[in-house]
PDB file of N, CA and C in Angstrom:
ATOM      1  N   UNK A   1     -16.123  74.813 -41.828  1.00  0.00           N
ATOM      2  CA  UNK A   1     -15.784  76.398 -41.505  1.00  0.00           C
ATOM      3  C   UNK A   1     -16.291  76.624 -40.047  1.00  0.00           C
ATOM      4  N   UNK A   2     -15.649  77.650 -39.751  1.00  0.00           N
ATOM      5  CA  UNK A   2     -15.930  78.395 -38.410  1.00  0.00           C
ATOM      6  C   UNK A   2     -15.417  79.865 -38.856  1.00  0.00           C
ATOM      7  N   UNK A   3     -15.931  80.675 -37.890  1.00  0.00           N
ATOM      8  CA  UNK A   3     -15.800  82.375 -37.710  1.00  0.00           C
ATOM      9  C   UNK A   3     -16.033  82.686 -36.633  1.00  0.00           C
ATOM     10  N   UNK A   4     -15.773  84.034 -36.392  1.00  0.00           N
ATOM     11  CA  UNK A   4     -16.118  84.583 -34.967  1.00  0.00           C
ATOM     12  C   UNK A   4     -17.651  85.139 -35.228  1.00  0.00           C
ATOM     13  N   UNK A   5     -18.528  84.987 -34.155  1.00  0.00           N
ATOM     14  CA  UNK A   5     -19.657  85.764 -33.801  1.00  0.00           C
ATOM     15  C   UNK A   5     -19.504  86.928 -33.095  1.00  0.00           C
ATOM     16  N   UNK A   6     -19.818  88.341 -33.451  1.00  0.00           N
ATOM     17  CA  UNK A   6     -20.155  88.594 -34.864  1.00  0.00           C
ATOM     18  C   UNK A   6     -19.093  88.411 -35.735  1.00  0.00           C
ATOM     19  N   UNK A   7     -19.196  88.483 -36.913  1.00  0.00           N
ATOM     20  CA  UNK A   7     -18.323  88.287 -38.167  1.00  0.00           C
ATOM     21  C   UNK A   7     -18.329  89.871 -38.359  1.00  0.00           C
ATOM     22  N   UNK A   8     -17.161  90.010 -38.730  1.00  0.00           N
ATOM     23  CA  UNK A   8     -16.535  91.710 -39.099  1.00  0.00           C
ATOM     24  C   UNK A   8     -15.321  91.453 -39.786  1.00  0.00           C
ATOM     25  N   UNK A   9     -15.715  92.436 -40.806  1.00  0.00           N
ATOM     26  CA  UNK A   9     -14.660  92.775 -41.663  1.00  0.00           C
ATOM     27  C   UNK A   9     -14.272  94.111 -41.793  1.00  0.00           C
ATOM     28  N   UNK A  10     -13.163  94.715 -42.012  1.00  0.00           N
ATOM     29  CA  UNK A  10     -12.682  96.153 -41.980  1.00  0.00           C
ATOM     30  C   UNK A  10     -11.967  96.362 -43.318  1.00  0.00           C
ATOM     31  N   UNK A  11     -11.978  97.675 -43.683  1.00  0.00           N
ATOM     32  CA  UNK A  11     -11.516  97.848 -45.099  1.00  0.00           C
ATOM     33  C   UNK A  11     -11.213  99.692 -44.787  1.00  0.00           C
ATOM     34  N   UNK A  12      -9.795 100.265 -44.865  1.00  0.00           N
ATOM     35  CA  UNK A  12      -9.580 101.664 -44.943  1.00  0.00           C
ATOM     36  C   UNK A  12     -10.493 102.377 -45.581  1.00  0.00           C
ATOM     37  N   UNK A  13     -11.059 103.277 -45.021  1.00  0.00           N
ATOM     38  CA  UNK A  13     -12.164 104.513 -45.749  1.00  0.00           C
ATOM     39  C   UNK A  13     -13.254 103.783 -45.792  1.00  0.00           C
ATOM     40  N   UNK A  14     -13.749 102.500 -45.443  1.00  0.00           N
ATOM     41  CA  UNK A  14     -15.007 102.125 -45.397  1.00  0.00           C
ATOM     42  C   UNK A  14     -15.556 102.050 -44.123  1.00  0.00           C
ATOM     43  N   UNK A  15     -16.875 101.761 -43.601  1.00  0.00           N
ATOM     44  CA  UNK A  15     -17.488 101.510 -42.469  1.00  0.00           C
ATOM     45  C   UNK A  15     -17.394  99.741 -42.137  1.00  0.00           C
ATOM     46  N   UNK A  16     -16.930  99.416 -40.773  1.00  0.00           N
ATOM     47  CA  UNK A  16     -16.765  98.158 -40.407  1.00  0.00           C
ATOM     48  C   UNK A  16     -18.175  97.575 -40.650  1.00  0.00           C
ATOM     49  N   UNK A  17     -18.028  96.219 -41.441  1.00  0.00           N
ATOM     50  CA  UNK A  17     -19.214  95.417 -41.838  1.00  0.00           C
ATOM     51  C   UNK A  17     -19.372  94.366 -40.369  1.00  0.00           C
ATOM     52  N   UNK A  18     -20.675  94.264 -40.032  1.00  0.00           N
ATOM     53  CA  UNK A  18     -20.518  93.552 -38.689  1.00  0.00           C
ATOM     54  C   UNK A  18     -21.916  92.605 -39.195  1.00  0.00           C
ATOM     55  N   UNK A  19     -21.800  91.332 -38.887  1.00  0.00           N
ATOM     56  CA  UNK A  19     -22.886  90.393 -39.414  1.00  0.00           C
ATOM     57  C   UNK A  19     -22.890  89.590 -37.920  1.00  0.00           C
ATOM     58  N   UNK A  20     -24.063  89.718 -37.205  1.00  0.00           N
ATOM     59  CA  UNK A  20     -24.407  88.718 -36.187  1.00  0.00           C
ATOM     60  C   UNK A  20     -24.672  87.197 -36.731  1.00  0.00           C
ATOM     61  N   UNK A  21     -24.140  86.081 -36.487  1.00  0.00           N
ATOM     62  CA  UNK A  21     -24.220  84.953 -37.403  1.00  0.00           C
ATOM     63  C   UNK A  21     -24.623  83.695 -36.369  1.00  0.00           C
ATOM     64  N   UNK A  22     -24.893  84.016 -35.034  1.00  0.00           N
ATOM     65  CA  UNK A  22     -25.118  83.097 -33.891  1.00  0.00           C
ATOM     66  C   UNK A  22     -26.693  82.392 -34.165  1.00  0.00           C
ATOM     67  N   UNK A  23     -26.907  80.841 -34.687  1.00  0.00           N
ATOM     68  CA  UNK A  23     -27.743  80.143 -34.777  1.00  0.00           C
ATOM     69  C   UNK A  23     -28.646  80.671 -36.121  1.00  0.00           C
ATOM     70  N   UNK A  24     -27.854  81.128 -36.935  1.00  0.00           N
ATOM     71  CA  UNK A  24     -28.445  81.616 -38.099  1.00  0.00           C
ATOM     72  C   UNK A  24     -27.971  80.930 -39.586  1.00  0.00           C
ATOM     73  N   UNK A  25     -27.053  79.875 -39.470  1.00  0.00           N
ATOM     74  CA  UNK A  25     -26.642  79.098 -40.764  1.00  0.00           C
ATOM     75  C   UNK A  25     -26.842  77.677 -40.229  1.00  0.00           C
ATOM     76  N   UNK A  26     -28.328  77.148 -40.777  1.00  0.00           N
ATOM     77  CA  UNK A  26     -28.115  75.977 -40.714  1.00  0.00           C
ATOM     78  C   UNK A  26     -27.359  75.047 -41.696  1.00  0.00           C
ATOM     79  N   UNK A  27     -27.249  74.071 -41.382  1.00  0.00           N
ATOM     80  CA  UNK A  27     -26.593  72.779 -42.007  1.00  0.00           C
ATOM     81  C   UNK A  27     -27.437  72.346 -43.391  1.00  0.00           C
ATOM     82  N   UNK A  28     -28.066  73.243 -43.961  1.00  0.00           N
ATOM     83  CA  UNK A  28     -29.244  73.104 -45.265  1.00  0.00           C
ATOM     84  C   UNK A  28     -28.143  73.514 -46.371  1.00  0.00           C
ATOM     85  N   UNK A  29     -27.997  72.770 -47.141  1.00  0.00           N
ATOM     86  CA  UNK A  29     -27.766  73.197 -48.540  1.00  0.00           C
ATOM     87  C   UNK A  29     -27.516  71.984 -49.715  1.00  0.00           C
ATOM     88  N   UNK A  30     -27.059  72.376 -50.718  1.00  0.00           N
ATOM     89  CA  UNK A  30     -26.814  71.452 -51.804  1.00  0.00           C
ATOM     90  C   UNK A  30     -25.769  71.925 -52.641  1.00  0.00           C
ATOM     91  N   UNK A  31     -25.042  71.253 -53.588  1.00  0.00           N
ATOM     92  CA  UNK A  31     -24.281  71.242 -54.639  1.00  0.00           C
ATOM     93  C   UNK A  31     -24.530  70.821 -55.915  1.00  0.00           C
ATOM     94  N   UNK A  32     -24.611  71.299 -56.965  1.00  0.00           N
ATOM     95  CA  UNK A  32     -24.971  70.348 -58.332  1.00  0.00           C
ATOM     96  C   UNK A  32     -23.559  70.756 -59.213  1.00  0.00           C
ATOM     97  N   UNK A  33     -22.955  69.742 -59.880  1.00  0.00           N
ATOM     98  CA  UNK A  33     -21.971  70.335 -60.733  1.00  0.00           C
ATOM     99  C   UNK A  33     -21.579  69.165 -61.876  1.00  0.00           C
ATOM    100  N   UNK A  34     -20.689  69.869 -62.837  1.00  0.00           N
ATOM    101  CA  UNK A  34     -20.685  69.083 -63.886  1.00  0.00           C
ATOM    102  C   UNK A  34     -19.251  69.423 -64.418  1.00  0.00           C
ATOM    103  N   UNK A  35     -18.624  68.139 -64.954  1.00  0.00           N
ATOM    104  CA  UNK A  35     -17.304  68.318 -65.486  1.00  0.00           C
ATOM    105  C   UNK A  35     -17.382  67.712 -66.958  1.00  0.00           C
ATOM    106  N   UNK A  36     -16.661  68.692 -67.834  1.00  0.00           N
ATOM    107  CA  UNK A  36     -17.013  68.385 -69.402  1.00  0.00           C
ATOM    108  C   UNK A  36     -15.611  68.392 -69.500  1.00  0.00           C
ATOM    109  N   UNK A  37     -14.955  67.250 -69.869  1.00  0.00           N
ATOM    110  CA  UNK A  37     -14.114  67.091 -70.613  1.00  0.00           C
ATOM    111  C   UNK A  37     -13.681  67.547 -72.060  1.00  0.00           C
ATOM    112  N   UNK A  38     -12.855  68.402 -72.438  1.00  0.00           N
ATOM    113  CA  UNK A  38     -12.700  69.029 -73.877  1.00  0.00           C
ATOM    114  C   UNK A  38     -11.721  67.933 -74.506  1.00  0.00           C
ATOM    115  N   UNK A  39     -10.512  68.093 -73.812  1.00  0.00           N
ATOM    116  CA  UNK A  39      -9.577  67.359 -74.485  1.00  0.00           C
ATOM    117  C   UNK A  39      -9.166  65.969 -73.318  1.00  0.00           C
ATOM    118  N   UNK A  40      -8.155  65.192 -73.561  1.00  0.00           N
ATOM    119  CA  UNK A  40      -7.842  64.341 -72.849  1.00  0.00           C
ATOM    120  C   UNK A  40      -7.030  64.788 -71.410  1.00  0.00           C
ATOM    121  N   UNK A  41      -6.571  66.369 -71.381  1.00  0.00           N
ATOM    122  CA  UNK A  41      -6.129  66.652 -70.430  1.00  0.00           C
ATOM    123  C   UNK A  41      -6.626  68.096 -69.859  1.00  0.00           C
ATOM    124  N   UNK A  42      -7.804  68.602 -70.456  1.00  0.00           N
ATOM    125  CA  UNK A  42      -8.515  69.795 -70.133  1.00  0.00           C
ATOM    126  C   UNK A  42      -9.789  69.746 -70.350  1.00  0.00           C
ATOM    127  N   UNK A  43     -10.541  70.224 -69.243  1.00  0.00           N
ATOM    128  CA  UNK A  43     -11.848  70.648 -69.232  1.00  0.00           C
ATOM    129  C   UNK A  43     -12.556  71.682 -68.593  1.00  0.00           C
ATOM    130  N   UNK A  44     -13.954  71.742 -68.721  1.00  0.00           N
ATOM    131  CA  UNK A  44     -14.665  72.769 -68.197  1.00  0.00           C
ATOM    132  C   UNK A  44     -15.180  72.358 -66.669  1.00  0.00           C
ATOM    133  N   UNK A  45     -15.282  72.986 -65.599  1.00  0.00           N
ATOM    134  CA  UNK A  45     -16.147  72.756 -64.227  1.00  0.00           C
ATOM    135  C   UNK A  45     -17.350  73.678 -64.375  1.00  0.00           C
ATOM    136  N   UNK A  46     -18.663  73.392 -64.062  1.00  0.00           N
ATOM    137  CA  UNK A  46     -19.845  74.128 -63.679  1.00  0.00           C
ATOM    138  C   UNK A  46     -20.154  73.704 -62.049  1.00  0.00           C
ATOM    139  N   UNK A  47     -20.498  74.581 -61.134  1.00  0.00           N
ATOM    140  CA  UNK A  47     -21.275  74.057 -59.664  1.00  0.00           C
ATOM    141  C   UNK A  47     -22.258  75.241 -59.581  1.00  0.00           C
ATOM    142  N   UNK A  48     -23.168  74.780 -59.090  1.00  0.00           N
ATOM    143  CA  UNK A  48     -24.211  75.322 -58.405  1.00  0.00           C
ATOM    144  C   UNK A  48     -24.228  75.003 -57.102  1.00  0.00           C
ATOM    145  N   UNK A  49     -24.140  75.947 -56.198  1.00  0.00           N
ATOM    146  CA  UNK A  49     -24.155  75.822 -54.543  1.00  0.00           C
ATOM    147  C   UNK A  49     -25.193  76.825 -54.226  1.00  0.00           C
ATOM    148  N   UNK A  50     -26.152  76.086 -53.039  1.00  0.00           N
ATOM    149  CA  UNK A  50     -26.847  77.044 -52.179  1.00  0.00           C
ATOM    150  C   UNK A  50     -27.023  76.643 -51.004  1.00  0.00           C
ATOM    151  N   UNK A  51     -27.043  77.494 -50.053  1.00  0.00           N
ATOM    152  CA  UNK A  51     -27.170  77.481 -48.394  1.00  0.00           C
ATOM    153  C   UNK A  51     -28.269  78.092 -48.091  1.00  0.00           C
ATOM    154  N   UNK A  52     -29.194  77.400 -47.083  1.00  0.00           N
ATOM    155  CA  UNK A  52     -30.519  77.802 -46.555  1.00  0.00           C
ATOM    156  C   UNK A  52     -30.195  79.111 -45.355  1.00  0.00           C
ATOM    157  N   UNK A  53     -29.690  80.166 -45.321  1.00  0.00           N
ATOM    158  CA  UNK A  53     -28.912  80.747 -44.611  1.00  0.00           C
ATOM    159  C   UNK A  53     -29.837  82.138 -44.128  1.00  0.00           C
ATOM    160  N   UNK A  54     -30.105  82.651 -42.886  1.00  0.00           N
ATOM    161  CA  UNK A  54     -30.615  83.608 -42.352  1.00  0.00           C
ATOM    162  C   UNK A  54     -29.586  84.085 -41.607  1.00  0.00           C
ATOM    163  N   UNK A  55     -29.489  85.639 -41.571  1.00  0.00           N
ATOM    164  CA  UNK A  55     -28.508  86.623 -41.009  1.00  0.00           C
ATOM    165  C   UNK A  55     -29.088  87.215 -39.983  1.00  0.00           C
ATOM    166  N   UNK A  56     -30.077  87.491 -39.652  1.00  0.00           N
ATOM    167  CA  UNK A  56     -30.544  88.662 -38.958  1.00  0.00           C
ATOM    168  C   UNK A  56     -31.777  88.038 -38.398  1.00  0.00           C
ATOM    169  N   UNK A  57     -32.264  88.947 -37.315  1.00  0.00           N
ATOM    170  CA  UNK A  57     -33.902  88.724 -36.764  1.00  0.00           C
ATOM    171  C   UNK A  57     -34.996  88.540 -37.849  1.00  0.00           C
ATOM    172  N   UNK A  58     -34.732  89.329 -38.940  1.00  0.00           N
ATOM    173  CA  UNK A  58     -35.992  89.513 -39.757  1.00  0.00           C
ATOM    174  C   UNK A  58     -35.674  88.394 -40.959  1.00  0.00           C
ATOM    175  N   UNK A  59     -34.570  87.496 -40.553  1.00  0.00           N
ATOM    176  CA  UNK A  59     -34.173  86.006 -41.438  1.00  0.00           C
ATOM    177  C   UNK A  59     -34.159  86.710 -42.877  1.00  0.00           C
ATOM    178  N   UNK A  60     -33.185  87.915 -43.164  1.00  0.00           N
ATOM    179  CA  UNK A  60     -32.611  88.153 -44.013  1.00  0.00           C
ATOM    180  C   UNK A  60     -31.193  88.388 -44.351  1.00  0.00           C
ATOM    181  N   UNK A  61     -30.518  88.155 -45.402  1.00  0.00           N
ATOM    182  CA  UNK A  61     -29.054  87.691 -45.753  1.00  0.00           C
ATOM    183  C   UNK A  61     -29.029  88.969 -46.502  1.00  0.00           C
ATOM    184  N   UNK A  62     -27.750  89.700 -46.203  1.00  0.00           N
ATOM    185  CA  UNK A  62     -27.396  90.801 -47.023  1.00  0.00           C
ATOM    186  C   UNK A  62     -26.603  90.230 -48.202  1.00  0.00           C
ATOM    187  N   UNK A  63     -26.315  89.099 -48.439  1.00  0.00           N
ATOM    188  CA  UNK A  63     -25.620  88.364 -49.842  1.00  0.00           C
ATOM    189  C   UNK A  63     -26.390  87.357 -50.290  1.00  0.00           C
ATOM    190  N   UNK A  64     -26.178  87.085 -51.345  1.00  0.00           N
ATOM    191  CA  UNK A  64     -27.219  86.131 -52.207  1.00  0.00           C
ATOM    192  C   UNK A  64     -26.304  84.751 -51.665  1.00  0.00           C
ATOM    193  N   UNK A  65     -27.160  83.698 -51.169  1.00  0.00           N
ATOM    194  CA  UNK A  65     -26.870  82.675 -50.521  1.00  0.00           C
ATOM    195  C   UNK A  65     -26.505  81.582 -52.059  1.00  0.00           C
ATOM    196  N   UNK A  66     -26.667  81.885 -53.345  1.00  0.00           N
ATOM    197  CA  UNK A  66     -26.468  81.118 -54.286  1.00  0.00           C
ATOM    198  C   UNK A  66     -25.206  81.367 -54.703  1.00  0.00           C
ATOM    199  N   UNK A  67     -24.228  80.282 -55.187  1.00  0.00           N
ATOM    200  CA  UNK A  67     -22.922  80.823 -55.781  1.00  0.00           C
ATOM    201  C   UNK A  67     -23.006  79.753 -56.919  1.00  0.00           C
ATOM    202  N   UNK A  68     -22.280  80.434 -58.328  1.00  0.00           N
ATOM    203  CA  UNK A  68     -22.472  79.693 -59.681  1.00  0.00           C
ATOM    204  C   UNK A  68     -21.161  79.790 -59.652  1.00  0.00           C
ATOM    205  N   UNK A  69     -20.161  78.917 -60.102  1.00  0.00           N
ATOM    206  CA  UNK A  69     -18.592  78.857 -60.652  1.00  0.00           C
ATOM    207  C   UNK A  69     -18.804  78.125 -61.824  1.00  0.00           C
ATOM    208  N   UNK A  70     -17.759  78.735 -62.488  1.00  0.00           N
ATOM    209  CA  UNK A  70     -17.676  78.412 -63.734  1.00  0.00           C
ATOM    210  C   UNK A  70     -16.194  77.989 -63.918  1.00  0.00           C
ATOM    211  N   UNK A  71     -15.029  76.928 -64.130  1.00  0.00           N
ATOM    212  CA  UNK A  71     -13.686  76.833 -64.134  1.00  0.00           C
ATOM    213  C   UNK A  71     -13.082  76.138 -65.372  1.00  0.00           C
ATOM    214  N   UNK A  72     -12.004  76.225 -65.494  1.00  0.00           N
ATOM    215  CA  UNK A  72     -11.028  75.603 -66.132  1.00  0.00           C
ATOM    216  C   UNK A  72     -10.079  74.481 -65.617  1.00  0.00           C
ATOM    217  N   UNK A  73     -10.000  73.230 -66.044  1.00  0.00           N
ATOM    218  CA  UNK A  73      -9.395  72.366 -65.204  1.00  0.00           C
ATOM    219  C   UNK A  73      -8.382  71.572 -66.562  1.00  0.00           C
ATOM    220  N   UNK A  74      -6.680  71.830 -66.221  1.00  0.00           N
ATOM    221  CA  UNK A  74      -5.808  71.397 -66.706  1.00  0.00           C
ATOM    222  C   UNK A  74      -5.093  70.242 -65.743  1.00  0.00           C
ATOM    223  N   UNK A  75      -4.547  68.909 -66.449  1.00  0.00           N
ATOM    224  CA  UNK A  75      -3.949  68.324 -66.306  1.00  0.00           C
ATOM    225  C   UNK A  75      -2.838  68.371 -66.531  1.00  0.00           C
ATOM    226  N   UNK A  76      -1.753  68.040 -65.696  1.00  0.00           N
ATOM    227  CA  UNK A  76      -0.148  67.849 -65.922  1.00  0.00           C
ATOM    228  C   UNK A  76       0.453  67.254 -65.201  1.00  0.00           C
TER     229      UNK A  76
END
């Protein structure tokens, strides 16, 4: 994945979000997952993802670097 530095997002009626990311995202992280088949064609997916990320000089990240996802898979 790549993005511009600084990373910016804007939305109508909102202040522009600016995040300087240079040298703050190391390649340290992990993913744990589980697929649980309920039937022959469908099942549940669980995943836990984490990245060791800092976003400013105080080493604070304004969003949680942990992601938990749950999904449903259907084979057709």
